[in-house]
Protein backbone atom coordinates (compact mmCIF):
# COMPACT_ATOMS: atom_id res chain seq x y z
CA MET A 1 50.25 55.97 -22.11
CA THR A 2 52.81 57.67 -19.88
CA ASN A 3 55.47 57.34 -22.54
CA THR A 4 53.23 59.09 -24.97
CA ASN A 5 52.54 62.01 -22.60
CA VAL A 6 56.21 62.36 -21.70
CA ASP A 7 57.22 62.07 -25.33
CA LEU A 8 54.62 64.66 -26.33
CA GLY A 9 55.84 67.03 -23.62
CA GLU A 10 59.42 66.68 -24.79
CA ARG A 11 58.46 67.38 -28.40
CA ILE A 12 56.50 70.47 -27.37
CA GLU A 13 59.44 71.69 -25.32
CA ARG A 14 61.79 71.13 -28.28
CA LEU A 15 59.43 73.03 -30.63
CA VAL A 16 59.25 75.96 -28.19
CA GLN A 17 63.05 76.05 -27.90
CA GLU A 18 63.42 75.96 -31.71
CA HIS A 19 60.90 78.78 -32.05
CA ILE A 20 62.73 80.92 -29.46
CA ALA A 21 66.07 80.28 -31.19
CA ALA A 22 64.62 81.22 -34.60
CA SER A 23 63.09 84.40 -33.14
CA ARG A 24 66.41 85.40 -31.55
CA LYS A 25 68.24 84.80 -34.81
CA ALA A 26 65.72 86.87 -36.80
CA ALA A 27 65.90 89.71 -34.26
CA GLN A 28 69.71 89.66 -34.30
CA GLU A 29 69.76 89.79 -38.12
CA ALA A 30 67.30 92.69 -38.11
CA ILE A 31 69.46 94.62 -35.65
CA GLU A 32 72.58 93.98 -37.73
CA ARG A 33 70.79 95.18 -40.89
CA ALA A 34 69.61 98.33 -39.10
CA PHE A 35 73.07 99.22 -37.85
CA ALA A 36 74.63 98.40 -41.21
CA SER A 37 72.22 100.70 -43.04
CA THR A 38 72.87 103.63 -40.67
CA ALA A 39 76.63 103.26 -41.09
CA LYS A 40 76.24 103.98 -44.83
CA LEU A 41 74.23 107.19 -44.37
CA PRO A 42 76.14 110.46 -44.73
CA VAL A 43 76.33 112.65 -41.67
CA ARG A 44 74.43 115.87 -42.21
CA ALA A 45 75.03 119.12 -40.42
CA ALA A 46 72.12 120.59 -38.54
CA PRO A 47 70.26 123.19 -40.62
CA LYS A 48 71.05 126.77 -39.74
CA ALA A 49 68.27 128.73 -38.15
CA GLN A 50 66.82 131.18 -40.58
CA ARG A 51 66.94 134.73 -39.44
CA ARG A 52 63.96 136.88 -40.14
CA VAL A 53 65.08 139.97 -41.97
CA GLY A 54 62.96 143.03 -41.48
CA THR A 55 63.21 146.75 -41.67
CA ARG A 56 63.87 148.88 -38.65
CA ARG A 57 61.14 151.21 -37.58
CA ALA A 58 61.90 154.86 -37.17
CA SER A 59 62.12 156.29 -33.66
CA ALA A 60 59.24 158.64 -34.46
CA ASP A 61 57.03 155.68 -35.38
CA ILE A 62 57.88 153.90 -32.13
CA ALA A 63 57.22 157.09 -30.14
CA ALA A 64 53.85 157.62 -31.87
CA LEU A 65 52.92 154.00 -31.20
CA GLY A 66 53.96 154.49 -27.56
CA GLU A 67 51.72 157.55 -27.21
CA ARG A 68 48.74 155.65 -28.61
CA LEU A 69 49.51 152.80 -26.23
CA TYR A 70 49.79 155.20 -23.27
CA ARG A 71 46.37 156.70 -24.11
CA ALA A 72 44.90 153.18 -24.34
CA VAL A 73 46.39 152.24 -20.96
CA CYS A 74 44.95 155.41 -19.42
CA ALA A 75 41.54 154.64 -20.93
CA LYS A 76 41.58 151.00 -19.78
CA PRO A 77 43.95 150.57 -16.83
CA GLY A 78 44.68 147.02 -15.73
CA GLU A 79 44.11 145.40 -19.11
CA THR A 80 46.33 142.88 -20.86
CA MET A 81 48.21 143.54 -24.08
CA ALA A 82 45.71 141.34 -25.93
CA VAL A 83 43.01 143.88 -25.08
CA LEU A 84 45.14 146.99 -25.59
CA ALA A 85 46.72 146.02 -28.93
CA PRO A 86 43.51 146.17 -31.01
CA ILE A 87 42.66 149.55 -29.46
CA VAL A 88 46.06 150.88 -30.52
CA GLY A 89 45.76 149.25 -33.95
CA ALA A 90 48.90 147.09 -33.75
CA SER A 91 49.85 143.59 -32.72
CA ALA A 92 51.16 142.82 -29.26
CA ARG A 93 54.55 142.00 -30.79
CA GLU A 94 54.73 145.40 -32.49
CA LEU A 95 54.04 147.12 -29.17
CA ASN A 96 56.89 145.39 -27.34
CA ARG A 97 59.50 148.14 -27.86
CA SER A 98 57.00 150.94 -27.14
CA THR A 99 55.94 149.24 -23.92
CA THR A 100 59.56 148.88 -22.81
CA LEU A 101 60.22 152.56 -23.45
CA LEU A 102 57.07 153.63 -21.57
CA ARG A 103 58.07 151.48 -18.57
CA LYS A 104 61.62 152.87 -18.55
CA ALA A 105 60.25 156.41 -18.72
CA GLY A 106 58.06 155.69 -15.68
CA ARG A 107 54.82 156.39 -17.50
CA VAL A 108 53.44 152.84 -17.33
CA ARG A 109 53.91 150.01 -14.87
CA SER A 110 53.26 146.36 -15.48
CA VAL A 111 52.08 143.70 -13.06
CA GLY A 112 52.19 139.99 -13.80
CA ALA A 113 54.10 137.83 -16.21
CA ARG A 114 53.83 136.74 -19.81
CA HIS A 115 50.31 136.74 -21.23
CA MET A 116 48.81 137.69 -17.86
CA THR A 117 50.74 140.98 -17.60
CA ARG A 118 48.48 143.93 -16.86
CA TYR A 119 49.40 147.54 -17.56
CA PHE A 120 48.63 150.60 -15.44
CA PRO A 121 49.40 154.30 -15.97
CA MET A 122 51.67 155.90 -13.39
CA ALA A 123 50.08 158.71 -11.39
CA ASN A 124 53.10 161.09 -11.56
CA ALA A 125 53.37 160.65 -15.35
CA ALA A 126 49.73 161.67 -15.78
CA ALA A 127 50.32 164.91 -13.88
CA SER A 128 53.43 165.79 -15.91
CA ALA A 129 51.91 164.91 -19.32
């Protein structure tokens, strides 16, 4: 009976070794096929970023938009651009240049960063306007 158990154990061990060898061979062949297929593919250049072409707005339009924004900031000080933009009747992106010009002129100050930026009218600009 011991010969049978030992013999059975050896056969199982041999089967496991054969299975591992067959799995390694199949994996190696799959890797070789994968690398061989990528070697045949043509190398493509990265696509160029598409530039959005738009028309430039006139300075008068930007100034008028800035005045409407300044009035909205005076009416609702401390609000975000998401609140002010619908009052002005433009998107937050359209108000970017007008906001920059108002800040440079010292008529509006901003506190915060990104979407949490809040806008306040400057006291000296209100007296001179």
